[in-house]
Amino acid sequence: MTSHPTAFAPRTPVEPGPALDMSGPREHARAVVLLLPGGRATSVAPARRGLAHLRMVPFARAISWSTRGHEVAVWTLRYRVRGWNGDAQDPVRDARWALEEARRSHPGAPVVLVGHSMGGRVALRLAGEPGVVGVCALAPWIEAGEPAPRPGATIVIAHGDADRVTDPRSSAAYAARIGASFVPVPGETHTLLRRPVFWTRLVTAFVTTALQPAAHAR
């Protein structure tokens, strides 16, 4: 995602709160997977179930299937607004709220974050949060000077080399700087639609590995 001038429209007096689409146990799950959709650099328009949200649906279904029988809660976050919005970092605030909800509903459960584009940036920002054991960032939006997360979580960054929305070179350099794994995806664009089976397998394999033994304990 390329940078845009930081200009903000007035916010509405009462903004809707963030929301979660949930599958799996509602209480006392052994693990939680939180999916973080993309968005825009600047927008205070309410976030709805648009294309960015729908892009996460196949991943949510595949993760639910691959962890069936292991009491894993799979959540997709719906942000309050569509944009990152400069220093406001609106989606980071919303994702922190979701992590608090995970700790409240599923005390002690490890959390894996899976984010696309802006959601990938959010996931990387929260990699050092308590309880987060893994981050899978897909075509993330990486800016110059992006802070390195606190150590602890396993991190993989995957990026298509034909992406013209976010920069795969920035992802590769950031992964090298923080010691994360980087997976180049030949021929793939920002939409992740040219190699959907590859992406699904990458995400489900990462999630199940990051959650062992929690997701597979009997």
N, C-alpha and C. Protein backbone atom coordinates (compact mmCIF):
# COMPACT_ATOMS: atom_id res chain seq x y z
N MET A 1 0.86 -1.18 0.00
CA MET A 1 0.00 0.00 0.00
C MET A 1 0.89 1.21 0.00
N THR A 2 0.74 2.08 -0.97
CA THR A 2 1.55 3.26 -1.05
C THR A 2 1.06 4.31 -0.08
N SER A 3 1.95 5.20 0.31
CA SER A 3 1.59 6.25 1.25
C SER A 3 0.74 7.29 0.56
N HIS A 4 -0.10 7.94 1.33
CA HIS A 4 -0.92 9.03 0.85
C HIS A 4 -0.82 10.16 1.85
N PRO A 5 -1.08 11.40 1.41
CA PRO A 5 -1.04 12.50 2.37
C PRO A 5 -2.01 12.24 3.51
N THR A 6 -1.60 12.61 4.71
CA THR A 6 -2.43 12.38 5.88
C THR A 6 -3.44 13.51 6.00
N ALA A 7 -4.61 13.32 5.41
CA ALA A 7 -5.70 14.28 5.50
C ALA A 7 -6.92 13.53 5.97
N PHE A 8 -7.61 14.06 6.94
CA PHE A 8 -8.69 13.34 7.56
C PHE A 8 -10.00 14.10 7.40
N ALA A 9 -11.03 13.35 7.02
CA ALA A 9 -12.37 13.91 7.02
C ALA A 9 -12.90 13.92 8.45
N PRO A 10 -13.84 14.81 8.75
CA PRO A 10 -14.40 14.82 10.12
C PRO A 10 -15.02 13.48 10.45
N ARG A 11 -14.83 13.02 11.67
CA ARG A 11 -15.42 11.78 12.10
C ARG A 11 -16.87 12.01 12.50
N THR A 12 -17.65 10.96 12.35
CA THR A 12 -19.04 11.05 12.76
C THR A 12 -19.11 11.12 14.28
N PRO A 13 -20.14 11.75 14.85
CA PRO A 13 -20.22 11.88 16.30
C PRO A 13 -20.19 10.54 17.03
N VAL A 14 -20.84 9.53 16.47
CA VAL A 14 -20.86 8.22 17.11
C VAL A 14 -20.39 7.19 16.09
N GLU A 15 -19.19 6.68 16.29
CA GLU A 15 -18.66 5.67 15.38
C GLU A 15 -19.10 4.28 15.82
N PRO A 16 -19.39 3.40 14.88
CA PRO A 16 -19.66 2.01 15.28
C PRO A 16 -18.41 1.38 15.86
N GLY A 17 -18.59 0.49 16.78
CA GLY A 17 -17.45 -0.20 17.37
C GLY A 17 -16.94 -1.29 16.45
N PRO A 18 -15.75 -1.82 16.72
CA PRO A 18 -15.27 -2.97 15.96
C PRO A 18 -16.14 -4.18 16.24
N ALA A 19 -16.09 -5.15 15.33
CA ALA A 19 -16.91 -6.35 15.47
C ALA A 19 -16.11 -7.56 15.03
N LEU A 20 -16.58 -8.73 15.43
CA LEU A 20 -15.91 -9.98 15.12
C LEU A 20 -16.88 -10.96 14.48
N ASP A 21 -16.47 -11.54 13.37
CA ASP A 21 -17.16 -12.70 12.82
C ASP A 21 -16.48 -13.92 13.41
N MET A 22 -17.24 -14.77 14.09
CA MET A 22 -16.65 -15.85 14.87
C MET A 22 -17.10 -17.21 14.39
N SER A 23 -16.18 -18.17 14.45
CA SER A 23 -16.53 -19.58 14.33
C SER A 23 -15.72 -20.33 15.38
N GLY A 24 -16.22 -21.50 15.75
CA GLY A 24 -15.54 -22.28 16.79
C GLY A 24 -16.07 -21.96 18.17
N PRO A 25 -15.38 -22.41 19.20
CA PRO A 25 -15.86 -22.24 20.58
C PRO A 25 -16.00 -20.77 20.96
N ARG A 26 -17.05 -20.45 21.69
CA ARG A 26 -17.25 -19.08 22.17
C ARG A 26 -16.55 -18.84 23.51
N GLU A 27 -16.22 -19.91 24.22
CA GLU A 27 -15.52 -19.79 25.49
C GLU A 27 -14.49 -20.91 25.63
N HIS A 28 -13.39 -20.57 26.27
CA HIS A 28 -12.38 -21.56 26.68
C HIS A 28 -11.85 -22.40 25.51
N ALA A 29 -11.62 -21.76 24.37
CA ALA A 29 -10.94 -22.44 23.27
C ALA A 29 -9.49 -22.69 23.64
N ARG A 30 -8.89 -23.67 22.99
CA ARG A 30 -7.46 -23.95 23.23
C ARG A 30 -6.57 -22.97 22.49
N ALA A 31 -7.10 -22.32 21.44
CA ALA A 31 -6.32 -21.36 20.67
C ALA A 31 -7.28 -20.46 19.91
N VAL A 32 -6.76 -19.30 19.49
CA VAL A 32 -7.54 -18.33 18.72
C VAL A 32 -6.73 -17.91 17.51
N VAL A 33 -7.40 -17.87 16.35
CA VAL A 33 -6.80 -17.31 15.14
C VAL A 33 -7.58 -16.05 14.80
N LEU A 34 -6.90 -14.93 14.69
CA LEU A 34 -7.52 -13.65 14.39
C LEU A 34 -7.09 -13.20 13.01
N LEU A 35 -8.07 -13.07 12.11
CA LEU A 35 -7.79 -12.62 10.74
C LEU A 35 -8.06 -11.13 10.62
N LEU A 36 -7.11 -10.44 9.96
CA LEU A 36 -7.12 -8.98 9.88
C LEU A 36 -7.16 -8.55 8.42
N PRO A 37 -8.29 -8.02 7.94
CA PRO A 37 -8.40 -7.65 6.54
C PRO A 37 -7.58 -6.41 6.20
N GLY A 38 -7.52 -6.14 4.91
CA GLY A 38 -6.88 -4.91 4.44
C GLY A 38 -7.76 -3.71 4.62
N GLY A 39 -7.29 -2.58 4.12
CA GLY A 39 -8.04 -1.35 4.24
C GLY A 39 -7.41 -0.28 3.37
N ARG A 40 -7.43 0.95 3.85
CA ARG A 40 -6.87 2.07 3.11
C ARG A 40 -5.91 2.87 4.00
N ALA A 41 -5.05 3.63 3.35
CA ALA A 41 -4.14 4.47 4.12
C ALA A 41 -4.92 5.51 4.92
N THR A 42 -5.90 6.13 4.27
CA THR A 42 -6.67 7.18 4.92
C THR A 42 -8.14 7.04 4.56
N SER A 43 -8.96 6.79 5.54
CA SER A 43 -10.42 6.78 5.36
C SER A 43 -11.07 6.65 6.73
N VAL A 44 -12.06 7.49 6.97
CA VAL A 44 -12.86 7.36 8.18
C VAL A 44 -14.26 6.86 7.85
N ALA A 45 -14.42 6.35 6.62
CA ALA A 45 -15.69 5.73 6.27
C ALA A 45 -15.86 4.45 7.07
N PRO A 46 -17.08 4.13 7.49
CA PRO A 46 -17.28 2.89 8.25
C PRO A 46 -16.82 1.67 7.45
N ALA A 47 -16.15 0.76 8.12
CA ALA A 47 -15.71 -0.48 7.49
C ALA A 47 -16.90 -1.43 7.40
N ARG A 48 -17.10 -2.00 6.23
CA ARG A 48 -18.19 -2.94 6.04
C ARG A 48 -17.61 -4.24 5.48
N ARG A 49 -18.50 -5.20 5.23
CA ARG A 49 -18.04 -6.48 4.70
C ARG A 49 -17.85 -6.36 3.19
N GLY A 50 -16.86 -5.60 2.79
CA GLY A 50 -16.54 -5.43 1.38
C GLY A 50 -15.52 -6.45 0.92
N LEU A 51 -14.82 -6.10 -0.16
CA LEU A 51 -13.88 -7.05 -0.77
C LEU A 51 -12.74 -7.41 0.19
N ALA A 52 -12.26 -6.44 0.95
CA ALA A 52 -11.16 -6.73 1.88
C ALA A 52 -11.58 -7.76 2.91
N HIS A 53 -12.80 -7.62 3.41
CA HIS A 53 -13.32 -8.58 4.38
C HIS A 53 -13.56 -9.94 3.73
N LEU A 54 -14.16 -9.92 2.54
CA LEU A 54 -14.47 -11.18 1.85
C LEU A 54 -13.21 -11.96 1.49
N ARG A 55 -12.09 -11.23 1.28
CA ARG A 55 -10.84 -11.91 0.94
C ARG A 55 -10.38 -12.83 2.06
N MET A 56 -10.81 -12.55 3.28
CA MET A 56 -10.39 -13.37 4.41
C MET A 56 -11.30 -14.58 4.63
N VAL A 57 -12.47 -14.60 4.00
CA VAL A 57 -13.43 -15.68 4.24
C VAL A 57 -12.85 -17.05 3.88
N PRO A 58 -12.23 -17.23 2.70
CA PRO A 58 -11.66 -18.56 2.40
C PRO A 58 -10.61 -19.00 3.41
N PHE A 59 -9.83 -18.06 3.92
CA PHE A 59 -8.83 -18.42 4.93
C PHE A 59 -9.51 -18.85 6.23
N ALA A 60 -10.55 -18.13 6.62
CA ALA A 60 -11.26 -18.51 7.85
C ALA A 60 -11.84 -19.90 7.72
N ARG A 61 -12.44 -20.20 6.59
CA ARG A 61 -13.03 -21.53 6.38
C ARG A 61 -11.97 -22.61 6.37
N ALA A 62 -10.86 -22.33 5.68
CA ALA A 62 -9.79 -23.34 5.60
C ALA A 62 -9.15 -23.58 6.96
N ILE A 63 -8.97 -22.53 7.74
CA ILE A 63 -8.39 -22.71 9.08
C ILE A 63 -9.34 -23.49 9.97
N SER A 64 -10.64 -23.16 9.90
CA SER A 64 -11.62 -23.90 10.69
C SER A 64 -11.60 -25.38 10.33
N TRP A 65 -11.49 -25.68 9.05
CA TRP A 65 -11.47 -27.07 8.60
C TRP A 65 -10.19 -27.77 9.05
N SER A 66 -9.05 -27.10 8.90
CA SER A 66 -7.77 -27.74 9.21
C SER A 66 -7.57 -27.95 10.71
N THR A 67 -8.31 -27.19 11.54
CA THR A 67 -8.17 -27.33 13.00
C THR A 67 -9.42 -27.95 13.63
N ARG A 68 -10.28 -28.53 12.81
CA ARG A 68 -11.54 -29.08 13.33
C ARG A 68 -11.25 -30.13 14.41
N GLY A 69 -12.09 -30.11 15.42
CA GLY A 69 -11.94 -31.05 16.51
C GLY A 69 -10.92 -30.67 17.55
N HIS A 70 -10.28 -29.51 17.39
CA HIS A 70 -9.22 -29.12 18.32
C HIS A 70 -9.55 -27.85 19.09
N GLU A 71 -10.82 -27.44 19.07
CA GLU A 71 -11.28 -26.32 19.88
C GLU A 71 -10.50 -25.04 19.59
N VAL A 72 -10.43 -24.69 18.32
CA VAL A 72 -9.77 -23.46 17.90
C VAL A 72 -10.84 -22.46 17.47
N ALA A 73 -10.83 -21.28 18.07
CA ALA A 73 -11.73 -20.20 17.67
C ALA A 73 -11.10 -19.43 16.52
N VAL A 74 -11.88 -19.19 15.47
CA VAL A 74 -11.40 -18.45 14.30
C VAL A 74 -12.23 -17.18 14.17
N TRP A 75 -11.58 -16.06 14.30
CA TRP A 75 -12.25 -14.76 14.28
C TRP A 75 -11.75 -13.91 13.11
N THR A 76 -12.67 -13.17 12.50
CA THR A 76 -12.31 -12.16 11.51
C THR A 76 -12.75 -10.80 12.04
N LEU A 77 -11.81 -9.87 12.12
CA LEU A 77 -12.10 -8.56 12.68
C LEU A 77 -12.70 -7.64 11.63
N ARG A 78 -13.76 -6.95 12.01
CA ARG A 78 -14.31 -5.85 11.21
C ARG A 78 -13.98 -4.55 11.93
N TYR A 79 -13.16 -3.72 11.27
CA TYR A 79 -12.71 -2.49 11.87
C TYR A 79 -13.86 -1.48 12.00
N ARG A 80 -13.63 -0.47 12.83
CA ARG A 80 -14.59 0.62 12.93
C ARG A 80 -14.62 1.43 11.63
N VAL A 81 -13.43 1.77 11.15
CA VAL A 81 -13.31 2.58 9.93
C VAL A 81 -12.32 1.89 8.99
N ARG A 82 -12.31 2.32 7.75
CA ARG A 82 -11.54 1.61 6.73
C ARG A 82 -10.05 1.94 6.73
N GLY A 83 -9.67 3.09 7.31
CA GLY A 83 -8.31 3.56 7.14
C GLY A 83 -7.39 3.34 8.33
N TRP A 84 -6.08 3.39 8.02
CA TRP A 84 -5.04 3.41 9.05
C TRP A 84 -5.04 4.75 9.76
N ASN A 85 -5.07 5.81 8.96
CA ASN A 85 -5.27 7.17 9.45
C ASN A 85 -4.14 7.69 10.32
N GLY A 86 -2.94 7.57 9.76
CA GLY A 86 -1.78 8.21 10.36
C GLY A 86 -1.54 7.78 11.80
N ASP A 87 -1.29 8.76 12.64
CA ASP A 87 -0.97 8.47 14.03
C ASP A 87 -2.14 7.86 14.79
N ALA A 88 -3.35 7.98 14.27
CA ALA A 88 -4.50 7.36 14.94
C ALA A 88 -4.40 5.84 14.94
N GLN A 89 -3.80 5.27 13.88
CA GLN A 89 -3.61 3.82 13.78
C GLN A 89 -4.89 3.08 14.19
N ASP A 90 -5.98 3.47 13.54
CA ASP A 90 -7.28 2.94 13.94
C ASP A 90 -7.37 1.41 13.93
N PRO A 91 -6.87 0.71 12.90
CA PRO A 91 -7.00 -0.75 12.93
C PRO A 91 -6.16 -1.42 14.01
N VAL A 92 -5.07 -0.78 14.42
CA VAL A 92 -4.26 -1.33 15.51
C VAL A 92 -5.06 -1.27 16.81
N ARG A 93 -5.74 -0.17 17.04
CA ARG A 93 -6.61 -0.05 18.21
C ARG A 93 -7.68 -1.14 18.20
N ASP A 94 -8.29 -1.35 17.04
CA ASP A 94 -9.36 -2.35 16.95
C ASP A 94 -8.82 -3.76 17.18
N ALA A 95 -7.63 -4.03 16.65
CA ALA A 95 -7.05 -5.37 16.83
C ALA A 95 -6.65 -5.59 18.28
N ARG A 96 -6.20 -4.55 18.96
CA ARG A 96 -5.90 -4.70 20.39
C ARG A 96 -7.18 -5.01 21.17
N TRP A 97 -8.27 -4.38 20.79
CA TRP A 97 -9.56 -4.70 21.41
C TRP A 97 -9.89 -6.18 21.20
N ALA A 98 -9.67 -6.68 19.97
CA ALA A 98 -9.96 -8.08 19.68
C ALA A 98 -9.08 -9.01 20.52
N LEU A 99 -7.82 -8.64 20.70
CA LEU A 99 -6.93 -9.46 21.53
C LEU A 99 -7.42 -9.48 22.99
N GLU A 100 -7.90 -8.34 23.46
CA GLU A 100 -8.46 -8.32 24.81
C GLU A 100 -9.68 -9.22 24.92
N GLU A 101 -10.51 -9.23 23.86
CA GLU A 101 -11.67 -10.11 23.84
C GLU A 101 -11.23 -11.58 23.87
N ALA A 102 -10.16 -11.88 23.14
CA ALA A 102 -9.64 -13.25 23.13
C ALA A 102 -9.16 -13.66 24.52
N ARG A 103 -8.46 -12.76 25.20
CA ARG A 103 -7.97 -13.08 26.54
C ARG A 103 -9.12 -13.25 27.52
N ARG A 104 -10.17 -12.46 27.34
CA ARG A 104 -11.32 -12.55 28.24
C ARG A 104 -12.10 -13.83 28.01
N SER A 105 -12.37 -14.17 26.75
CA SER A 105 -13.19 -15.34 26.43
C SER A 105 -12.42 -16.64 26.49
N HIS A 106 -11.11 -16.56 26.21
CA HIS A 106 -10.29 -17.77 26.12
C HIS A 106 -8.99 -17.56 26.90
N PRO A 107 -9.07 -17.48 28.22
CA PRO A 107 -7.89 -17.18 29.03
C PRO A 107 -6.75 -18.17 28.79
N GLY A 108 -5.57 -17.62 28.55
CA GLY A 108 -4.39 -18.44 28.35
C GLY A 108 -4.24 -19.05 26.98
N ALA A 109 -5.22 -18.85 26.08
CA ALA A 109 -5.14 -19.45 24.75
C ALA A 109 -4.13 -18.70 23.89
N PRO A 110 -3.23 -19.40 23.20
CA PRO A 110 -2.32 -18.73 22.28
C PRO A 110 -3.09 -18.18 21.09
N VAL A 111 -2.57 -17.10 20.53
CA VAL A 111 -3.23 -16.41 19.42
C VAL A 111 -2.29 -16.35 18.22
N VAL A 112 -2.83 -16.65 17.03
CA VAL A 112 -2.12 -16.46 15.78
C VAL A 112 -2.83 -15.37 14.99
N LEU A 113 -2.07 -14.42 14.46
CA LEU A 113 -2.61 -13.33 13.65
C LEU A 113 -2.31 -13.59 12.19
N VAL A 114 -3.33 -13.45 11.34
CA VAL A 114 -3.17 -13.58 9.89
C VAL A 114 -3.73 -12.31 9.27
N GLY A 115 -2.88 -11.53 8.60
CA GLY A 115 -3.33 -10.27 8.05
C GLY A 115 -2.92 -10.08 6.61
N HIS A 116 -3.78 -9.40 5.85
CA HIS A 116 -3.49 -9.09 4.45
C HIS A 116 -3.37 -7.57 4.29
N SER A 117 -2.34 -7.13 3.58
CA SER A 117 -2.17 -5.72 3.23
C SER A 117 -2.10 -4.86 4.49
N MET A 118 -3.03 -3.93 4.69
CA MET A 118 -3.04 -3.15 5.92
C MET A 118 -3.14 -4.06 7.14
N GLY A 119 -3.93 -5.14 7.00
CA GLY A 119 -4.04 -6.10 8.09
C GLY A 119 -2.73 -6.79 8.41
N GLY A 120 -1.87 -6.97 7.40
CA GLY A 120 -0.55 -7.51 7.64
C GLY A 120 0.31 -6.56 8.45
N ARG A 121 0.18 -5.27 8.16
CA ARG A 121 0.91 -4.28 8.94
C ARG A 121 0.42 -4.28 10.39
N VAL A 122 -0.89 -4.38 10.57
CA VAL A 122 -1.45 -4.45 11.92
C VAL A 122 -0.89 -5.67 12.66
N ALA A 123 -0.91 -6.81 11.99
CA ALA A 123 -0.43 -8.05 12.63
C ALA A 123 1.02 -7.92 13.06
N LEU A 124 1.84 -7.33 12.21
CA LEU A 124 3.26 -7.17 12.55
C LEU A 124 3.44 -6.20 13.72
N ARG A 125 2.61 -5.17 13.79
CA ARG A 125 2.68 -4.23 14.91
C ARG A 125 2.34 -4.92 16.24
N LEU A 126 1.52 -5.96 16.18
CA LEU A 126 1.04 -6.62 17.40
C LEU A 126 1.73 -7.95 17.67
N ALA A 127 2.79 -8.23 16.94
CA ALA A 127 3.47 -9.51 17.10
C ALA A 127 4.03 -9.71 18.49
N GLY A 128 4.33 -8.62 19.19
CA GLY A 128 4.89 -8.74 20.53
C GLY A 128 3.88 -8.68 21.64
N GLU A 129 2.58 -8.66 21.30
CA GLU A 129 1.54 -8.59 22.33
C GLU A 129 1.48 -9.89 23.13
N PRO A 130 1.12 -9.82 24.41
CA PRO A 130 1.01 -11.04 25.21
C PRO A 130 0.06 -12.06 24.59
N GLY A 131 0.51 -13.30 24.52
CA GLY A 131 -0.31 -14.38 24.01
C GLY A 131 -0.18 -14.63 22.52
N VAL A 132 0.39 -13.69 21.78
CA VAL A 132 0.55 -13.88 20.33
C VAL A 132 1.76 -14.76 20.06
N VAL A 133 1.52 -15.91 19.44
CA VAL A 133 2.60 -16.86 19.19
C VAL A 133 3.02 -16.92 17.73
N GLY A 134 2.20 -16.37 16.83
CA GLY A 134 2.52 -16.43 15.41
C GLY A 134 1.87 -15.31 14.64
N VAL A 135 2.56 -14.83 13.59
CA VAL A 135 2.04 -13.80 12.70
C VAL A 135 2.32 -14.23 11.27
N CYS A 136 1.27 -14.25 10.47
CA CYS A 136 1.39 -14.55 9.03
C CYS A 136 0.91 -13.31 8.28
N ALA A 137 1.84 -12.58 7.68
CA ALA A 137 1.52 -11.33 7.00
C ALA A 137 1.57 -11.56 5.49
N LEU A 138 0.44 -11.35 4.83
CA LEU A 138 0.29 -11.60 3.39
C LEU A 138 0.29 -10.27 2.66
N ALA A 139 1.28 -10.08 1.78
CA ALA A 139 1.39 -8.83 1.01
C ALA A 139 1.23 -7.61 1.90
N PRO A 140 1.99 -7.54 3.01
CA PRO A 140 1.76 -6.47 3.98
C PRO A 140 2.20 -5.11 3.45
N TRP A 141 1.59 -4.09 4.01
CA TRP A 141 1.95 -2.71 3.77
C TRP A 141 3.08 -2.37 4.74
N ILE A 142 4.28 -2.20 4.22
CA ILE A 142 5.45 -1.91 5.04
C ILE A 142 5.98 -0.53 4.64
N GLU A 143 6.01 0.38 5.59
CA GLU A 143 6.56 1.71 5.36
C GLU A 143 8.02 1.76 5.81
N ALA A 144 8.75 2.73 5.30
CA ALA A 144 10.13 2.96 5.76
C ALA A 144 10.11 3.25 7.25
N GLY A 145 11.03 2.64 7.98
CA GLY A 145 11.09 2.87 9.41
C GLY A 145 10.07 2.10 10.21
N GLU A 146 9.44 1.10 9.58
CA GLU A 146 8.47 0.28 10.31
C GLU A 146 9.14 -0.33 11.53
N PRO A 147 8.53 -0.18 12.72
CA PRO A 147 9.21 -0.69 13.92
C PRO A 147 9.29 -2.20 13.95
N ALA A 148 10.36 -2.71 14.51
CA ALA A 148 10.51 -4.15 14.67
C ALA A 148 9.69 -4.60 15.88
N PRO A 149 9.00 -5.73 15.76
CA PRO A 149 8.22 -6.22 16.90
C PRO A 149 9.12 -6.76 18.00
N ARG A 150 8.58 -6.79 19.22
CA ARG A 150 9.30 -7.46 20.30
C ARG A 150 9.43 -8.94 19.98
N PRO A 151 10.53 -9.57 20.36
CA PRO A 151 10.73 -10.98 20.04
C PRO A 151 9.73 -11.86 20.77
N GLY A 152 9.48 -13.02 20.18
CA GLY A 152 8.61 -14.00 20.82
C GLY A 152 7.78 -14.78 19.83
N ALA A 153 7.08 -14.08 18.95
CA ALA A 153 6.21 -14.76 17.99
C ALA A 153 7.01 -15.25 16.78
N THR A 154 6.56 -16.36 16.21
CA THR A 154 7.08 -16.81 14.92
C THR A 154 6.41 -15.98 13.83
N ILE A 155 7.21 -15.45 12.90
CA ILE A 155 6.68 -14.55 11.88
C ILE A 155 7.06 -15.05 10.50
N VAL A 156 6.07 -15.10 9.62
CA VAL A 156 6.32 -15.36 8.20
C VAL A 156 5.64 -14.27 7.40
N ILE A 157 6.36 -13.77 6.40
CA ILE A 157 5.85 -12.74 5.50
C ILE A 157 5.90 -13.31 4.09
N ALA A 158 4.76 -13.27 3.39
CA ALA A 158 4.69 -13.77 2.02
C ALA A 158 4.19 -12.65 1.11
N HIS A 159 4.80 -12.54 -0.06
CA HIS A 159 4.46 -11.42 -0.94
C HIS A 159 4.64 -11.82 -2.40
N GLY A 160 3.65 -11.50 -3.23
CA GLY A 160 3.74 -11.75 -4.66
C GLY A 160 4.68 -10.78 -5.33
N ASP A 161 5.48 -11.28 -6.28
CA ASP A 161 6.45 -10.39 -6.92
C ASP A 161 5.83 -9.51 -8.00
N ALA A 162 4.54 -9.72 -8.31
CA ALA A 162 3.84 -8.87 -9.27
C ALA A 162 2.90 -7.89 -8.58
N ASP A 163 3.05 -7.73 -7.28
CA ASP A 163 2.21 -6.81 -6.50
C ASP A 163 2.60 -5.37 -6.83
N ARG A 164 1.62 -4.56 -7.21
CA ARG A 164 1.86 -3.15 -7.51
C ARG A 164 1.16 -2.23 -6.51
N VAL A 165 0.58 -2.82 -5.47
CA VAL A 165 -0.11 -2.03 -4.44
C VAL A 165 0.77 -1.87 -3.21
N THR A 166 1.29 -2.98 -2.71
CA THR A 166 2.31 -2.95 -1.66
C THR A 166 3.59 -3.53 -2.24
N ASP A 167 4.70 -3.22 -1.62
CA ASP A 167 6.01 -3.48 -2.23
C ASP A 167 6.64 -4.76 -1.69
N PRO A 168 6.81 -5.78 -2.54
CA PRO A 168 7.45 -7.01 -2.07
C PRO A 168 8.90 -6.80 -1.63
N ARG A 169 9.57 -5.82 -2.20
CA ARG A 169 10.96 -5.57 -1.79
C ARG A 169 11.01 -5.04 -0.36
N SER A 170 10.04 -4.21 -0.01
CA SER A 170 9.98 -3.72 1.37
C SER A 170 9.71 -4.85 2.34
N SER A 171 8.85 -5.78 1.93
CA SER A 171 8.55 -6.93 2.78
C SER A 171 9.79 -7.79 2.99
N ALA A 172 10.53 -8.04 1.90
CA ALA A 172 11.72 -8.87 2.00
C ALA A 172 12.77 -8.21 2.89
N ALA A 173 12.96 -6.89 2.73
CA ALA A 173 13.94 -6.19 3.54
C ALA A 173 13.53 -6.16 5.01
N TYR A 174 12.25 -5.98 5.27
CA TYR A 174 11.77 -5.95 6.65
C TYR A 174 11.93 -7.33 7.30
N ALA A 175 11.58 -8.37 6.54
CA ALA A 175 11.74 -9.73 7.07
C ALA A 175 13.20 -10.01 7.44
N ALA A 176 14.11 -9.58 6.57
CA ALA A 176 15.53 -9.79 6.86
C ALA A 176 15.96 -9.01 8.10
N ARG A 177 15.43 -7.80 8.25
CA ARG A 177 15.82 -6.96 9.39
C ARG A 177 15.36 -7.53 10.71
N ILE A 178 14.17 -8.14 10.74
CA ILE A 178 13.64 -8.63 12.02
C ILE A 178 13.87 -10.13 12.22
N GLY A 179 14.48 -10.79 11.23
CA GLY A 179 14.74 -12.22 11.35
C GLY A 179 13.53 -13.09 11.11
N ALA A 180 12.58 -12.61 10.30
CA ALA A 180 11.39 -13.38 9.96
C ALA A 180 11.62 -14.18 8.69
N SER A 181 10.80 -15.18 8.47
CA SER A 181 10.85 -15.94 7.22
C SER A 181 10.14 -15.13 6.13
N PHE A 182 10.71 -15.15 4.93
CA PHE A 182 10.09 -14.46 3.80
C PHE A 182 9.83 -15.46 2.68
N VAL A 183 8.60 -15.44 2.16
CA VAL A 183 8.19 -16.35 1.09
C VAL A 183 7.82 -15.53 -0.14
N PRO A 184 8.67 -15.51 -1.18
CA PRO A 184 8.27 -14.84 -2.42
C PRO A 184 7.29 -15.70 -3.19
N VAL A 185 6.32 -15.06 -3.82
CA VAL A 185 5.29 -15.80 -4.56
C VAL A 185 5.33 -15.33 -6.01
N PRO A 186 5.98 -16.09 -6.90
CA PRO A 186 6.13 -15.66 -8.29
C PRO A 186 4.78 -15.47 -8.99
N GLY A 187 4.67 -14.34 -9.68
CA GLY A 187 3.50 -14.08 -10.51
C GLY A 187 2.27 -13.60 -9.79
N GLU A 188 2.32 -13.53 -8.48
CA GLU A 188 1.12 -13.16 -7.73
C GLU A 188 1.00 -11.65 -7.57
N THR A 189 -0.25 -11.17 -7.61
CA THR A 189 -0.55 -9.76 -7.42
C THR A 189 -1.07 -9.53 -6.00
N HIS A 190 -1.53 -8.32 -5.76
CA HIS A 190 -1.97 -7.96 -4.41
C HIS A 190 -3.26 -8.67 -4.00
N THR A 191 -4.06 -9.09 -4.96
CA THR A 191 -5.37 -9.67 -4.63
C THR A 191 -5.29 -11.11 -4.16
N LEU A 192 -4.15 -11.78 -4.33
CA LEU A 192 -3.95 -13.18 -3.92
C LEU A 192 -4.84 -14.15 -4.70
N LEU A 193 -5.27 -13.75 -5.89
CA LEU A 193 -6.23 -14.56 -6.64
C LEU A 193 -5.60 -15.46 -7.69
N ARG A 194 -4.35 -15.23 -8.05
CA ARG A 194 -3.74 -16.04 -9.10
C ARG A 194 -3.33 -17.42 -8.60
N ARG A 195 -3.00 -17.52 -7.31
CA ARG A 195 -2.56 -18.81 -6.75
C ARG A 195 -3.29 -19.07 -5.43
N PRO A 196 -4.60 -19.17 -5.48
CA PRO A 196 -5.37 -19.29 -4.23
C PRO A 196 -5.05 -20.55 -3.43
N VAL A 197 -4.79 -21.66 -4.12
CA VAL A 197 -4.48 -22.89 -3.39
C VAL A 197 -3.17 -22.74 -2.63
N PHE A 198 -2.20 -22.11 -3.25
CA PHE A 198 -0.91 -21.89 -2.57
C PHE A 198 -1.11 -21.07 -1.30
N TRP A 199 -1.86 -19.97 -1.39
CA TRP A 199 -2.06 -19.11 -0.23
C TRP A 199 -2.79 -19.85 0.88
N THR A 200 -3.81 -20.60 0.51
CA THR A 200 -4.57 -21.33 1.52
C THR A 200 -3.68 -22.34 2.24
N ARG A 201 -2.89 -23.07 1.48
CA ARG A 201 -2.00 -24.06 2.09
C ARG A 201 -0.94 -23.40 2.96
N LEU A 202 -0.42 -22.26 2.49
CA LEU A 202 0.58 -21.55 3.27
C LEU A 202 0.00 -21.14 4.63
N VAL A 203 -1.19 -20.55 4.61
CA VAL A 203 -1.80 -20.04 5.83
C VAL A 203 -2.16 -21.18 6.77
N THR A 204 -2.81 -22.21 6.25
CA THR A 204 -3.23 -23.30 7.14
C THR A 204 -2.03 -24.04 7.72
N ALA A 205 -0.99 -24.23 6.92
CA ALA A 205 0.21 -24.90 7.43
C ALA A 205 0.87 -24.06 8.51
N PHE A 206 0.93 -22.75 8.30
CA PHE A 206 1.54 -21.89 9.31
C PHE A 206 0.74 -21.91 10.60
N VAL A 207 -0.58 -21.79 10.48
CA VAL A 207 -1.42 -21.76 11.68
C VAL A 207 -1.30 -23.05 12.47
N THR A 208 -1.43 -24.18 11.81
CA THR A 208 -1.39 -25.44 12.54
C THR A 208 -0.02 -25.68 13.16
N THR A 209 1.03 -25.25 12.48
CA THR A 209 2.37 -25.41 13.06
C THR A 209 2.58 -24.47 14.24
N ALA A 210 2.15 -23.21 14.09
CA ALA A 210 2.34 -22.24 15.17
C ALA A 210 1.57 -22.60 16.41
N LEU A 211 0.45 -23.28 16.24
CA LEU A 211 -0.41 -23.61 17.39
C LEU A 211 -0.08 -24.96 18.02
N GLN A 212 0.81 -25.71 17.44
CA GLN A 212 1.18 -26.97 18.08
C GLN A 212 1.90 -26.68 19.40
N PRO A 213 1.60 -27.41 20.47
CA PRO A 213 0.63 -28.51 20.52
C PRO A 213 -0.77 -28.07 20.90
N ALA A 214 -1.00 -26.77 21.08
CA ALA A 214 -2.29 -26.31 21.61
C ALA A 214 -3.45 -26.73 20.73
N ALA A 215 -3.30 -26.53 19.41
CA ALA A 215 -4.42 -26.81 18.52
C ALA A 215 -4.67 -28.29 18.33
N HIS A 216 -3.70 -29.13 18.69
CA HIS A 216 -3.83 -30.56 18.42
C HIS A 216 -3.79 -31.42 19.68
N ALA A 217 -3.83 -30.74 20.82
CA ALA A 217 -3.90 -31.51 22.06
C ALA A 217 -5.27 -32.16 22.20
N ARG A 218 -5.31 -33.32 22.77
CA ARG A 218 -6.57 -34.04 22.93
C ARG A 218 -6.90 -34.20 24.41
